[in-house]
């Protein structure tokens, strides 16, 4: 008598049969791999090169630093005889120095000769003097005034007469001539004048010409 199954029961039976078939196939593959092994041989291990093996030359080869073979010498032509005459000649030589013992602090000092001339003479025979530091300031020009006379004022003060080119100036002490020269002490024979541009003071003598 056949057993009648519903639609849901048939689907469950098919799923169970499929899973069982997958399990059987996987088990067969694992068993064949375990017992049979792979036909492809495993890869060979890569040797690790260390510092000792890197500097070691390979068998049958010559190292780069070894180079060619050295020349081998023989004893042919060598004279083993001891020459006493040459030995006595070398022993008879005496050391002649300058008289200074380099191993003694009390020995005579070294005499350094003095220079006869300058170290670097110029072609003309003159020694070049090198100045250190900044150059000196320029020399101020001479005061271009001429003191040619004086006069007494009513207050007994002295007035000085100056000429600057074609111009004539009359000034007392403390006054400024030509916007540049300040008049100082006035005497009958001389007068002090200061150049304000260079802060230079000169004494001008009385001239009659």
N, C-alpha and C. Protein backbone atom coordinates (compact mmCIF):
# COMPACT_ATOMS: atom_id res chain seq x y z
N UNK A 1 0.87 -1.18 0.00
CA UNK A 1 0.00 0.00 0.00
C UNK A 1 0.91 1.22 0.00
N UNK A 2 0.76 2.12 -1.01
CA UNK A 2 1.62 3.30 -1.15
C UNK A 2 1.21 4.37 -0.16
N UNK A 3 2.29 5.08 0.34
CA UNK A 3 2.07 6.16 1.34
C UNK A 3 1.93 7.47 0.59
N UNK A 4 0.86 8.13 0.81
CA UNK A 4 0.61 9.40 0.15
C UNK A 4 1.17 10.53 0.99
N UNK A 5 1.98 11.39 0.37
CA UNK A 5 2.60 12.55 1.05
C UNK A 5 2.06 13.84 0.47
N UNK A 6 1.96 14.85 1.32
CA UNK A 6 1.51 16.15 0.84
C UNK A 6 2.62 16.91 0.15
N UNK A 7 2.29 18.07 -0.36
CA UNK A 7 3.29 18.90 -1.09
C UNK A 7 4.39 19.39 -0.16
N UNK A 8 4.06 19.80 1.06
CA UNK A 8 5.07 20.28 2.00
C UNK A 8 5.99 19.15 2.40
N UNK A 9 5.45 17.97 2.59
CA UNK A 9 6.30 16.84 2.98
C UNK A 9 7.24 16.47 1.85
N UNK A 10 6.84 16.60 0.62
CA UNK A 10 7.73 16.30 -0.50
C UNK A 10 8.90 17.27 -0.56
N UNK A 11 8.67 18.54 -0.30
CA UNK A 11 9.76 19.54 -0.34
C UNK A 11 10.76 19.27 0.74
N UNK A 12 10.30 18.90 1.93
CA UNK A 12 11.23 18.60 3.01
C UNK A 12 12.06 17.37 2.70
N UNK A 13 11.45 16.39 2.03
CA UNK A 13 12.18 15.18 1.67
C UNK A 13 13.25 15.50 0.65
N UNK A 14 12.93 16.34 -0.33
CA UNK A 14 13.92 16.72 -1.36
C UNK A 14 15.09 17.50 -0.75
N UNK A 15 14.80 18.39 0.18
CA UNK A 15 15.88 19.18 0.82
C UNK A 15 16.78 18.27 1.62
N UNK A 16 16.19 17.33 2.33
CA UNK A 16 16.98 16.41 3.15
C UNK A 16 17.86 15.53 2.28
N UNK A 17 17.29 15.05 1.15
CA UNK A 17 18.08 14.20 0.25
C UNK A 17 19.23 15.01 -0.34
N UNK A 18 18.99 16.29 -0.71
CA UNK A 18 20.06 17.12 -1.28
C UNK A 18 21.18 17.38 -0.30
N UNK A 19 20.83 17.70 0.96
CA UNK A 19 21.87 17.94 1.97
C UNK A 19 22.67 16.68 2.23
N UNK A 20 22.02 15.54 2.24
CA UNK A 20 22.71 14.28 2.47
C UNK A 20 23.68 13.98 1.35
N UNK A 21 23.28 14.31 0.12
CA UNK A 21 24.17 14.07 -1.03
C UNK A 21 25.39 14.97 -0.96
N UNK A 22 25.19 16.21 -0.54
CA UNK A 22 26.34 17.15 -0.41
C UNK A 22 27.31 16.67 0.65
N UNK A 23 26.78 16.17 1.77
CA UNK A 23 27.66 15.68 2.85
C UNK A 23 28.45 14.48 2.38
N UNK A 24 27.80 13.58 1.62
CA UNK A 24 28.50 12.38 1.14
C UNK A 24 29.60 12.76 0.16
N UNK A 25 29.32 13.69 -0.75
CA UNK A 25 30.34 14.10 -1.74
C UNK A 25 31.51 14.77 -1.05
N UNK A 26 31.25 15.65 -0.05
CA UNK A 26 32.35 16.30 0.68
C UNK A 26 33.18 15.30 1.44
N UNK A 27 32.55 14.27 2.04
CA UNK A 27 33.32 13.28 2.77
C UNK A 27 34.20 12.47 1.85
N UNK A 28 33.69 12.14 0.68
CA UNK A 28 34.49 11.37 -0.27
C UNK A 28 35.72 12.19 -0.72
N UNK A 29 35.55 13.50 -0.96
CA UNK A 29 36.66 14.35 -1.40
C UNK A 29 37.74 14.46 -0.32
N UNK A 30 37.32 14.61 0.93
CA UNK A 30 38.30 14.73 2.02
C UNK A 30 39.07 13.43 2.19
N UNK A 31 38.38 12.30 2.07
CA UNK A 31 39.05 11.01 2.24
C UNK A 31 40.06 10.78 1.13
N UNK A 32 39.69 11.15 -0.13
CA UNK A 32 40.62 10.94 -1.25
C UNK A 32 41.82 11.86 -1.13
N UNK A 33 41.62 13.08 -0.65
CA UNK A 33 42.75 14.00 -0.47
C UNK A 33 43.68 13.54 0.63
N UNK A 34 43.14 13.01 1.69
CA UNK A 34 43.96 12.60 2.83
C UNK A 34 44.82 11.40 2.48
N UNK A 35 44.24 10.43 1.81
CA UNK A 35 44.98 9.21 1.51
C UNK A 35 45.77 9.31 0.20
N UNK A 36 45.24 9.96 -0.78
CA UNK A 36 45.91 10.01 -2.08
C UNK A 36 46.98 11.10 -2.15
N UNK A 37 46.80 12.27 -1.50
CA UNK A 37 47.74 13.39 -1.57
C UNK A 37 47.60 14.13 -2.87
N UNK A 38 48.31 15.27 -2.98
CA UNK A 38 48.28 16.09 -4.20
C UNK A 38 49.38 15.66 -5.14
N UNK A 39 49.09 15.68 -6.45
CA UNK A 39 50.11 15.31 -7.43
C UNK A 39 51.14 16.40 -7.63
N UNK A 40 50.87 17.68 -7.24
CA UNK A 40 51.84 18.78 -7.39
C UNK A 40 52.78 18.81 -6.19
N UNK A 41 54.11 18.75 -6.43
CA UNK A 41 55.04 18.76 -5.29
C UNK A 41 55.02 20.11 -4.59
N UNK A 42 55.25 20.14 -3.28
CA UNK A 42 55.25 21.42 -2.54
C UNK A 42 56.44 22.27 -2.96
N UNK A 43 56.30 23.60 -2.92
CA UNK A 43 57.41 24.49 -3.32
C UNK A 43 58.57 24.37 -2.35
N UNK A 44 59.80 24.51 -2.92
CA UNK A 44 61.01 24.43 -2.09
C UNK A 44 61.15 25.70 -1.25
N UNK A 45 61.63 25.55 -0.02
CA UNK A 45 61.81 26.74 0.84
C UNK A 45 62.93 27.63 0.31
N UNK A 46 62.72 28.92 0.41
CA UNK A 46 63.71 29.90 -0.05
C UNK A 46 64.78 30.04 1.03
N UNK A 47 66.04 29.81 0.69
CA UNK A 47 67.10 29.93 1.72
C UNK A 47 67.24 31.36 2.18
N UNK A 48 67.44 31.55 3.48
CA UNK A 48 67.63 32.87 4.07
C UNK A 48 69.11 33.20 4.05
N UNK A 49 69.47 34.32 3.45
CA UNK A 49 70.87 34.72 3.33
C UNK A 49 71.24 35.61 4.50
N UNK A 50 72.19 35.17 5.28
CA UNK A 50 72.68 35.93 6.43
C UNK A 50 73.96 36.66 6.07
N UNK A 51 74.50 37.43 7.04
CA UNK A 51 75.74 38.19 6.79
C UNK A 51 76.91 37.26 6.57
N UNK A 52 76.93 36.11 7.27
CA UNK A 52 78.06 35.18 7.11
C UNK A 52 78.02 34.51 5.76
N UNK A 53 76.82 34.10 5.31
CA UNK A 53 76.72 33.43 4.02
C UNK A 53 76.83 34.41 2.87
N UNK A 54 76.49 35.70 3.10
CA UNK A 54 76.59 36.69 2.02
C UNK A 54 78.03 36.98 1.67
N UNK A 55 78.92 37.03 2.67
CA UNK A 55 80.33 37.32 2.42
C UNK A 55 81.13 36.09 2.04
N UNK A 56 80.53 34.90 2.10
CA UNK A 56 81.25 33.66 1.79
C UNK A 56 81.18 33.41 0.28
N UNK A 57 82.33 33.26 -0.41
CA UNK A 57 82.28 33.01 -1.86
C UNK A 57 81.72 31.64 -2.16
N UNK A 58 81.10 31.53 -3.31
CA UNK A 58 80.52 30.25 -3.70
C UNK A 58 81.62 29.27 -4.06
N UNK A 59 81.26 28.00 -4.01
CA UNK A 59 82.25 26.93 -4.27
C UNK A 59 82.67 26.99 -5.72
N UNK A 60 84.00 26.93 -5.94
CA UNK A 60 84.54 26.92 -7.30
C UNK A 60 84.71 28.28 -7.89
N UNK A 61 84.38 29.39 -7.15
CA UNK A 61 84.53 30.76 -7.66
C UNK A 61 85.57 31.47 -6.84
N UNK A 62 86.08 32.62 -7.36
CA UNK A 62 87.11 33.42 -6.70
C UNK A 62 86.47 34.70 -6.19
N UNK A 63 86.77 35.05 -4.96
CA UNK A 63 86.19 36.24 -4.35
C UNK A 63 86.70 37.48 -5.07
N UNK A 64 85.83 38.57 -5.04
CA UNK A 64 86.21 39.81 -5.72
C UNK A 64 87.39 40.47 -5.05
N UNK A 65 87.54 40.35 -3.70
CA UNK A 65 88.65 40.96 -3.00
C UNK A 65 89.88 40.09 -2.93
N UNK A 66 89.81 38.87 -3.43
CA UNK A 66 90.95 37.96 -3.33
C UNK A 66 92.04 38.35 -4.31
N UNK A 67 91.73 38.72 -5.52
CA UNK A 67 92.70 39.17 -6.50
C UNK A 67 93.55 38.03 -7.03
N UNK A 68 94.65 38.40 -7.73
CA UNK A 68 95.54 37.41 -8.32
C UNK A 68 96.49 36.85 -7.27
N UNK A 69 97.15 35.78 -7.65
CA UNK A 69 98.10 35.14 -6.73
C UNK A 69 99.35 36.00 -6.59
N UNK A 70 99.87 36.04 -5.38
CA UNK A 70 101.09 36.82 -5.13
C UNK A 70 102.30 36.09 -5.69
N UNK A 71 103.35 36.88 -5.99
CA UNK A 71 104.58 36.30 -6.53
C UNK A 71 105.39 35.64 -5.41
N UNK A 72 105.82 34.44 -5.65
CA UNK A 72 106.59 33.70 -4.66
C UNK A 72 108.08 33.87 -4.95
N UNK A 73 108.84 34.32 -3.93
CA UNK A 73 110.28 34.56 -4.08
C UNK A 73 111.07 33.35 -3.60
N UNK A 74 112.28 33.23 -4.12
CA UNK A 74 113.19 32.16 -3.71
C UNK A 74 114.40 32.75 -3.01
N UNK A 75 115.20 31.94 -2.41
CA UNK A 75 116.39 32.37 -1.68
C UNK A 75 117.63 32.48 -2.57
N UNK A 76 117.48 32.33 -3.87
CA UNK A 76 118.63 32.40 -4.76
C UNK A 76 119.13 33.83 -4.87
N UNK A 77 120.43 34.05 -4.77
CA UNK A 77 121.04 35.36 -4.88
C UNK A 77 121.18 36.09 -3.57
N UNK A 78 120.68 35.56 -2.45
CA UNK A 78 120.81 36.20 -1.15
C UNK A 78 122.15 35.86 -0.53
N UNK A 79 122.82 36.88 0.09
CA UNK A 79 124.14 36.71 0.71
C UNK A 79 123.97 36.78 2.21
N UNK A 80 124.02 35.66 2.92
CA UNK A 80 123.84 35.68 4.38
C UNK A 80 125.09 36.08 5.15
N UNK A 81 126.20 36.46 4.46
CA UNK A 81 127.45 36.79 5.14
C UNK A 81 127.32 38.11 5.88
N UNK A 82 127.84 38.20 7.09
CA UNK A 82 127.83 39.41 7.90
C UNK A 82 129.09 40.22 7.60
N UNK A 83 128.91 41.47 7.12
CA UNK A 83 130.03 42.35 6.77
C UNK A 83 130.37 43.24 7.97
N UNK A 84 131.47 42.92 8.64
CA UNK A 84 131.84 43.67 9.85
C UNK A 84 132.35 45.07 9.52
N UNK A 85 132.95 45.25 8.35
CA UNK A 85 133.46 46.57 8.01
C UNK A 85 132.34 47.59 7.88
N UNK A 86 131.22 47.20 7.26
CA UNK A 86 130.10 48.11 7.14
C UNK A 86 129.42 48.35 8.49
N UNK A 87 129.41 47.34 9.34
CA UNK A 87 128.82 47.51 10.67
C UNK A 87 129.65 48.48 11.50
N UNK A 88 131.00 48.35 11.42
CA UNK A 88 131.87 49.26 12.17
C UNK A 88 131.75 50.69 11.64
N UNK A 89 131.56 50.85 10.34
CA UNK A 89 131.42 52.19 9.77
C UNK A 89 130.15 52.88 10.25
N UNK A 90 129.05 52.15 10.37
CA UNK A 90 127.81 52.74 10.86
C UNK A 90 127.88 53.06 12.34
N UNK A 91 128.62 52.27 13.13
CA UNK A 91 128.75 52.53 14.56
C UNK A 91 129.67 53.71 14.84
N UNK A 92 130.59 54.02 13.93
CA UNK A 92 131.54 55.11 14.16
C UNK A 92 130.94 56.48 13.92
N UNK A 93 129.80 56.56 13.29
CA UNK A 93 129.19 57.86 13.02
C UNK A 93 128.63 58.45 14.32
N UNK A 94 128.87 59.75 14.53
CA UNK A 94 128.40 60.46 15.71
C UNK A 94 127.35 61.49 15.30
N UNK A 95 126.41 61.68 16.19
CA UNK A 95 125.34 62.64 15.94
C UNK A 95 125.84 64.04 16.26
N UNK A 96 125.71 64.94 15.33
CA UNK A 96 126.11 66.33 15.50
C UNK A 96 124.88 67.21 15.32
N UNK A 97 124.37 67.73 16.43
CA UNK A 97 123.20 68.60 16.37
C UNK A 97 123.56 70.05 16.60
N UNK A 98 122.58 70.86 16.98
CA UNK A 98 122.79 72.29 17.23
C UNK A 98 123.17 72.59 18.67
N UNK A 99 123.32 71.55 19.50
CA UNK A 99 123.68 71.77 20.89
C UNK A 99 122.49 71.84 21.82
N UNK A 100 121.29 71.71 21.30
CA UNK A 100 120.08 71.79 22.12
C UNK A 100 119.56 70.39 22.35
N UNK A 101 119.36 70.06 23.61
CA UNK A 101 118.83 68.75 23.99
C UNK A 101 117.31 68.84 24.00
N UNK A 102 116.69 68.11 23.13
CA UNK A 102 115.23 68.19 23.04
C UNK A 102 114.55 67.51 24.23
N UNK A 103 115.31 66.73 25.01
CA UNK A 103 114.74 66.04 26.17
C UNK A 103 114.99 66.79 27.46
N UNK A 104 115.56 67.99 27.42
CA UNK A 104 115.86 68.76 28.61
C UNK A 104 115.26 70.15 28.49
N UNK A 105 114.60 70.62 29.57
CA UNK A 105 114.02 71.96 29.57
C UNK A 105 115.05 73.04 29.81
N UNK A 106 116.25 72.68 30.32
CA UNK A 106 117.30 73.66 30.63
C UNK A 106 118.28 73.85 29.49
N UNK A 107 118.01 73.27 28.34
CA UNK A 107 118.94 73.39 27.23
C UNK A 107 118.85 74.78 26.63
N UNK A 108 119.80 75.10 25.76
CA UNK A 108 119.88 76.42 25.16
C UNK A 108 118.67 76.67 24.27
N UNK A 109 118.08 77.87 24.34
CA UNK A 109 116.92 78.16 23.49
C UNK A 109 117.34 78.30 22.03
N UNK A 110 116.36 78.16 21.20
CA UNK A 110 116.60 78.27 19.76
C UNK A 110 116.73 79.74 19.39
N UNK A 111 117.77 80.09 18.66
CA UNK A 111 117.99 81.46 18.23
C UNK A 111 117.26 81.69 16.92
N UNK A 112 116.30 82.61 16.94
CA UNK A 112 115.53 82.93 15.75
C UNK A 112 116.16 84.14 15.08
N UNK A 113 116.59 84.03 13.84
CA UNK A 113 117.22 85.17 13.18
C UNK A 113 116.23 86.31 12.97
N UNK A 114 116.75 87.54 13.10
CA UNK A 114 115.93 88.71 12.91
C UNK A 114 115.76 89.02 11.42
N UNK A 115 114.62 89.61 11.09
CA UNK A 115 114.36 89.97 9.71
C UNK A 115 115.20 91.17 9.31
N UNK A 116 115.79 91.11 8.14
CA UNK A 116 116.60 92.21 7.65
C UNK A 116 115.72 93.34 7.10
N UNK A 117 114.67 92.99 6.44
CA UNK A 117 113.78 93.99 5.84
C UNK A 117 112.34 93.65 6.12
N UNK A 118 111.43 94.42 5.59
CA UNK A 118 110.00 94.13 5.79
C UNK A 118 109.61 92.83 5.13
N UNK A 119 108.53 92.26 5.63
CA UNK A 119 108.09 90.97 5.12
C UNK A 119 107.62 91.08 3.68
N UNK A 120 106.93 92.14 3.35
CA UNK A 120 106.40 92.33 1.99
C UNK A 120 106.77 93.72 1.49
N UNK A 121 107.98 93.90 0.99
CA UNK A 121 108.33 95.22 0.46
C UNK A 121 107.61 95.49 -0.84
N UNK A 122 107.25 96.74 -1.03
CA UNK A 122 106.59 97.14 -2.27
C UNK A 122 107.63 97.27 -3.38
N UNK A 123 107.19 97.26 -4.64
CA UNK A 123 108.16 97.42 -5.74
C UNK A 123 108.97 98.71 -5.65
N UNK A 124 108.39 99.79 -5.08
CA UNK A 124 109.13 101.04 -4.95
C UNK A 124 110.02 101.11 -3.74
N UNK A 125 110.01 100.09 -2.90
CA UNK A 125 110.86 100.08 -1.71
C UNK A 125 110.18 100.62 -0.48
N UNK A 126 108.89 101.03 -0.54
CA UNK A 126 108.18 101.57 0.60
C UNK A 126 107.29 100.50 1.22
N UNK A 127 107.23 100.53 2.54
CA UNK A 127 106.43 99.56 3.27
C UNK A 127 104.98 100.04 3.34
N UNK A 128 104.06 99.16 3.03
CA UNK A 128 102.64 99.51 3.06
C UNK A 128 102.14 99.38 4.49
N UNK A 129 101.56 100.45 5.02
CA UNK A 129 101.03 100.46 6.38
C UNK A 129 99.52 100.25 6.29
N UNK A 130 99.05 99.19 6.91
CA UNK A 130 97.63 98.86 6.90
C UNK A 130 96.98 99.43 8.14
N UNK A 131 95.98 100.27 7.98
CA UNK A 131 95.28 100.89 9.09
C UNK A 131 94.08 100.05 9.48
N UNK A 132 93.95 99.85 10.78
CA UNK A 132 92.81 99.12 11.32
C UNK A 132 91.75 100.10 11.79
N UNK A 133 90.51 99.76 11.61
CA UNK A 133 89.42 100.60 12.06
C UNK A 133 88.90 101.48 10.94
N UNK A 134 87.90 102.31 11.25
CA UNK A 134 87.31 103.18 10.22
C UNK A 134 88.27 104.28 9.81
N UNK A 135 88.15 104.79 8.60
CA UNK A 135 89.03 105.88 8.17
C UNK A 135 88.75 107.15 8.94
N UNK A 136 89.75 108.04 9.09
CA UNK A 136 89.52 109.30 9.82
C UNK A 136 88.57 110.20 9.05
N UNK A 137 87.87 111.08 9.75
CA UNK A 137 86.96 112.00 9.07
C UNK A 137 87.74 112.96 8.17
N UNK A 138 87.10 113.45 7.11
CA UNK A 138 87.80 114.37 6.20
C UNK A 138 88.14 115.68 6.89
N UNK A 139 89.25 116.27 6.48
CA UNK A 139 89.68 117.53 7.05
C UNK A 139 88.78 118.66 6.56
N UNK A 140 88.29 119.51 7.48
CA UNK A 140 87.39 120.59 7.05
C UNK A 140 88.15 121.62 6.21
N UNK A 141 87.45 122.26 5.31
CA UNK A 141 88.11 123.28 4.48
C UNK A 141 88.45 124.53 5.29
N UNK A 142 89.40 125.28 4.77
CA UNK A 142 89.79 126.51 5.44
C UNK A 142 88.67 127.56 5.34
N UNK A 143 88.58 128.41 6.36
CA UNK A 143 87.55 129.46 6.38
C UNK A 143 87.92 130.52 5.35
N UNK A 144 87.00 130.74 4.43
CA UNK A 144 87.26 131.65 3.31
C UNK A 144 86.80 133.07 3.66
N UNK A 145 87.38 133.63 4.71
CA UNK A 145 87.12 135.02 5.11
C UNK A 145 88.45 135.75 5.26
N UNK A 146 88.39 137.06 5.06
CA UNK A 146 89.59 137.90 5.21
C UNK A 146 89.28 139.03 6.20
N UNK A 147 90.04 139.06 7.30
CA UNK A 147 89.89 140.08 8.34
C UNK A 147 90.87 141.22 8.00
N UNK A 148 90.27 142.37 7.59
CA UNK A 148 91.14 143.44 7.10
C UNK A 148 91.02 144.73 7.90
N UNK A 149 90.19 144.77 8.98
CA UNK A 149 90.13 146.00 9.79
C UNK A 149 89.12 145.89 10.91
N UNK A 150 89.15 146.91 11.79
CA UNK A 150 88.22 146.95 12.92
C UNK A 150 87.93 148.41 13.23
N UNK A 151 86.88 148.60 14.05
CA UNK A 151 86.49 149.95 14.46
C UNK A 151 85.85 149.88 15.83
N UNK A 152 85.94 150.98 16.60
CA UNK A 152 85.35 151.06 17.92
C UNK A 152 83.98 151.70 17.82
N UNK A 153 82.99 151.05 18.45
CA UNK A 153 81.64 151.58 18.45
C UNK A 153 81.48 152.56 19.62
N UNK A 154 80.29 153.22 19.73
CA UNK A 154 80.06 154.17 20.81
C UNK A 154 80.06 153.48 22.16
N UNK A 155 79.66 152.18 22.22
CA UNK A 155 79.65 151.45 23.50
C UNK A 155 81.01 150.81 23.78
N UNK A 156 82.06 151.23 23.13
CA UNK A 156 83.43 150.76 23.30
C UNK A 156 83.62 149.31 22.80
N UNK A 157 82.65 148.75 22.10
CA UNK A 157 82.82 147.41 21.54
C UNK A 157 83.54 147.51 20.19
N UNK A 158 84.16 146.37 19.81
CA UNK A 158 84.94 146.36 18.58
C UNK A 158 84.12 145.68 17.48
N UNK A 159 84.09 146.32 16.32
CA UNK A 159 83.46 145.75 15.14
C UNK A 159 84.55 145.36 14.16
N UNK A 160 84.40 144.16 13.59
CA UNK A 160 85.40 143.63 12.66
C UNK A 160 84.87 143.73 11.25
N UNK A 161 85.78 143.97 10.32
CA UNK A 161 85.45 144.07 8.91
C UNK A 161 86.01 142.83 8.18
N UNK A 162 85.12 142.17 7.43
CA UNK A 162 85.49 140.95 6.71
C UNK A 162 85.16 141.13 5.23
N UNK A 163 85.94 140.45 4.42
CA UNK A 163 85.65 140.38 2.98
C UNK A 163 85.54 138.91 2.58
N UNK A 164 84.49 138.63 1.78
CA UNK A 164 84.26 137.27 1.27
C UNK A 164 84.00 137.38 -0.22
N UNK A 165 85.06 137.24 -1.01
CA UNK A 165 84.94 137.50 -2.43
C UNK A 165 84.80 138.99 -2.68
N UNK A 166 83.72 139.38 -3.31
CA UNK A 166 83.45 140.80 -3.53
C UNK A 166 82.56 141.41 -2.47
N UNK A 167 82.14 140.65 -1.46
CA UNK A 167 81.23 141.12 -0.42
C UNK A 167 82.03 141.59 0.80
N UNK A 168 81.51 142.65 1.47
CA UNK A 168 82.11 143.21 2.68
C UNK A 168 81.11 143.07 3.81
N UNK A 169 81.58 142.59 4.98
CA UNK A 169 80.73 142.37 6.15
C UNK A 169 81.34 143.08 7.35
N UNK A 170 80.45 143.62 8.21
CA UNK A 170 80.84 144.22 9.49
C UNK A 170 80.09 143.47 10.57
N UNK A 171 80.81 142.92 11.54
CA UNK A 171 80.16 142.07 12.55
C UNK A 171 80.82 142.27 13.90
N UNK A 172 79.97 142.12 14.94
CA UNK A 172 80.46 142.11 16.31
C UNK A 172 80.61 140.65 16.77
N UNK A 173 81.14 140.47 17.97
CA UNK A 173 81.30 139.14 18.54
C UNK A 173 79.93 138.49 18.75
N UNK A 174 79.75 137.28 18.29
CA UNK A 174 78.49 136.56 18.42
C UNK A 174 77.63 136.62 17.18
N UNK A 175 77.93 137.49 16.23
CA UNK A 175 77.15 137.59 15.01
C UNK A 175 77.66 136.60 13.96
N UNK A 176 76.82 136.33 12.95
CA UNK A 176 77.13 135.31 11.94
C UNK A 176 77.30 136.02 10.59
N UNK A 177 78.37 135.67 9.91
CA UNK A 177 78.70 136.25 8.62
C UNK A 177 78.32 135.26 7.52
N UNK A 178 77.55 135.77 6.54
CA UNK A 178 77.18 135.01 5.35
C UNK A 178 76.44 133.70 5.69
N UNK A 179 75.64 133.73 6.77
CA UNK A 179 74.81 132.59 7.20
C UNK A 179 75.64 131.33 7.53
N UNK A 180 76.93 131.48 7.79
CA UNK A 180 77.76 130.30 7.99
C UNK A 180 78.86 130.50 9.03
N UNK A 181 79.45 131.68 9.08
CA UNK A 181 80.62 131.90 9.94
C UNK A 181 80.20 132.73 11.15
N UNK A 182 80.48 132.17 12.36
CA UNK A 182 80.15 132.87 13.60
C UNK A 182 81.40 133.55 14.14
N UNK A 183 81.27 134.82 14.43
CA UNK A 183 82.41 135.61 14.91
C UNK A 183 82.53 135.43 16.41
N UNK A 184 83.78 135.18 16.88
CA UNK A 184 84.05 135.02 18.30
C UNK A 184 84.74 136.25 18.86
N UNK A 185 85.81 136.05 19.62
CA UNK A 185 86.53 137.16 20.24
C UNK A 185 87.25 137.99 19.18
N UNK A 186 87.06 139.30 19.28
CA UNK A 186 87.67 140.21 18.30
C UNK A 186 88.79 140.97 19.00
N UNK A 187 89.97 140.92 18.45
CA UNK A 187 91.14 141.66 18.92
C UNK A 187 91.66 142.52 17.78
N UNK A 188 92.43 143.53 18.08
CA UNK A 188 92.95 144.37 16.99
C UNK A 188 93.82 143.60 16.01
N UNK A 189 94.53 142.57 16.46
CA UNK A 189 95.43 141.85 15.55
C UNK A 189 94.84 140.55 15.02
N UNK A 190 93.76 140.05 15.62
CA UNK A 190 93.19 138.78 15.18
C UNK A 190 91.74 138.67 15.62
N UNK A 191 91.04 137.67 15.05
CA UNK A 191 89.65 137.43 15.39
C UNK A 191 89.38 135.93 15.25
N UNK A 192 88.56 135.37 16.14
CA UNK A 192 88.19 133.95 16.09
C UNK A 192 86.89 133.80 15.31
N UNK A 193 86.89 132.87 14.35
CA UNK A 193 85.73 132.62 13.51
C UNK A 193 85.47 131.10 13.49
N UNK A 194 84.20 130.72 13.64
CA UNK A 194 83.81 129.31 13.65
C UNK A 194 82.96 129.00 12.43
N UNK A 195 83.36 127.95 11.69
CA UNK A 195 82.58 127.48 10.54
C UNK A 195 81.49 126.55 11.09
N UNK A 196 80.24 126.96 11.05
CA UNK A 196 79.14 126.20 11.64
C UNK A 196 78.87 124.92 10.87
N UNK A 197 79.20 124.87 9.60
CA UNK A 197 78.95 123.66 8.82
C UNK A 197 79.85 122.50 9.22
N UNK A 198 81.09 122.78 9.65
CA UNK A 198 82.05 121.73 10.04
C UNK A 198 82.45 121.82 11.51
N UNK A 199 81.89 122.81 12.25
CA UNK A 199 82.25 123.02 13.65
C UNK A 199 83.76 123.20 13.80
N UNK A 200 84.31 124.00 12.91
CA UNK A 200 85.75 124.23 12.86
C UNK A 200 86.02 125.69 13.21
N UNK A 201 86.90 125.92 14.19
CA UNK A 201 87.23 127.28 14.64
C UNK A 201 88.65 127.61 14.24
N UNK A 202 88.84 128.79 13.64
CA UNK A 202 90.15 129.27 13.24
C UNK A 202 90.34 130.70 13.73
N UNK A 203 91.60 131.08 13.86
CA UNK A 203 91.96 132.45 14.24
C UNK A 203 92.49 133.15 13.01
N UNK A 204 91.78 134.20 12.56
CA UNK A 204 92.16 134.94 11.36
C UNK A 204 93.01 136.15 11.76
N UNK A 205 94.16 136.28 11.12
CA UNK A 205 95.06 137.40 11.39
C UNK A 205 94.62 138.63 10.59
N UNK A 206 94.96 139.78 11.12
CA UNK A 206 94.65 141.04 10.45
C UNK A 206 95.58 141.19 9.23
N UNK A 207 94.97 141.43 8.09
CA UNK A 207 95.72 141.64 6.86
C UNK A 207 95.40 143.04 6.34
N UNK A 208 96.43 143.70 5.87
CA UNK A 208 96.26 145.08 5.36
C UNK A 208 96.03 145.13 3.87
N UNK A 209 96.32 144.05 3.19
CA UNK A 209 96.17 144.06 1.74
C UNK A 209 94.72 143.75 1.35
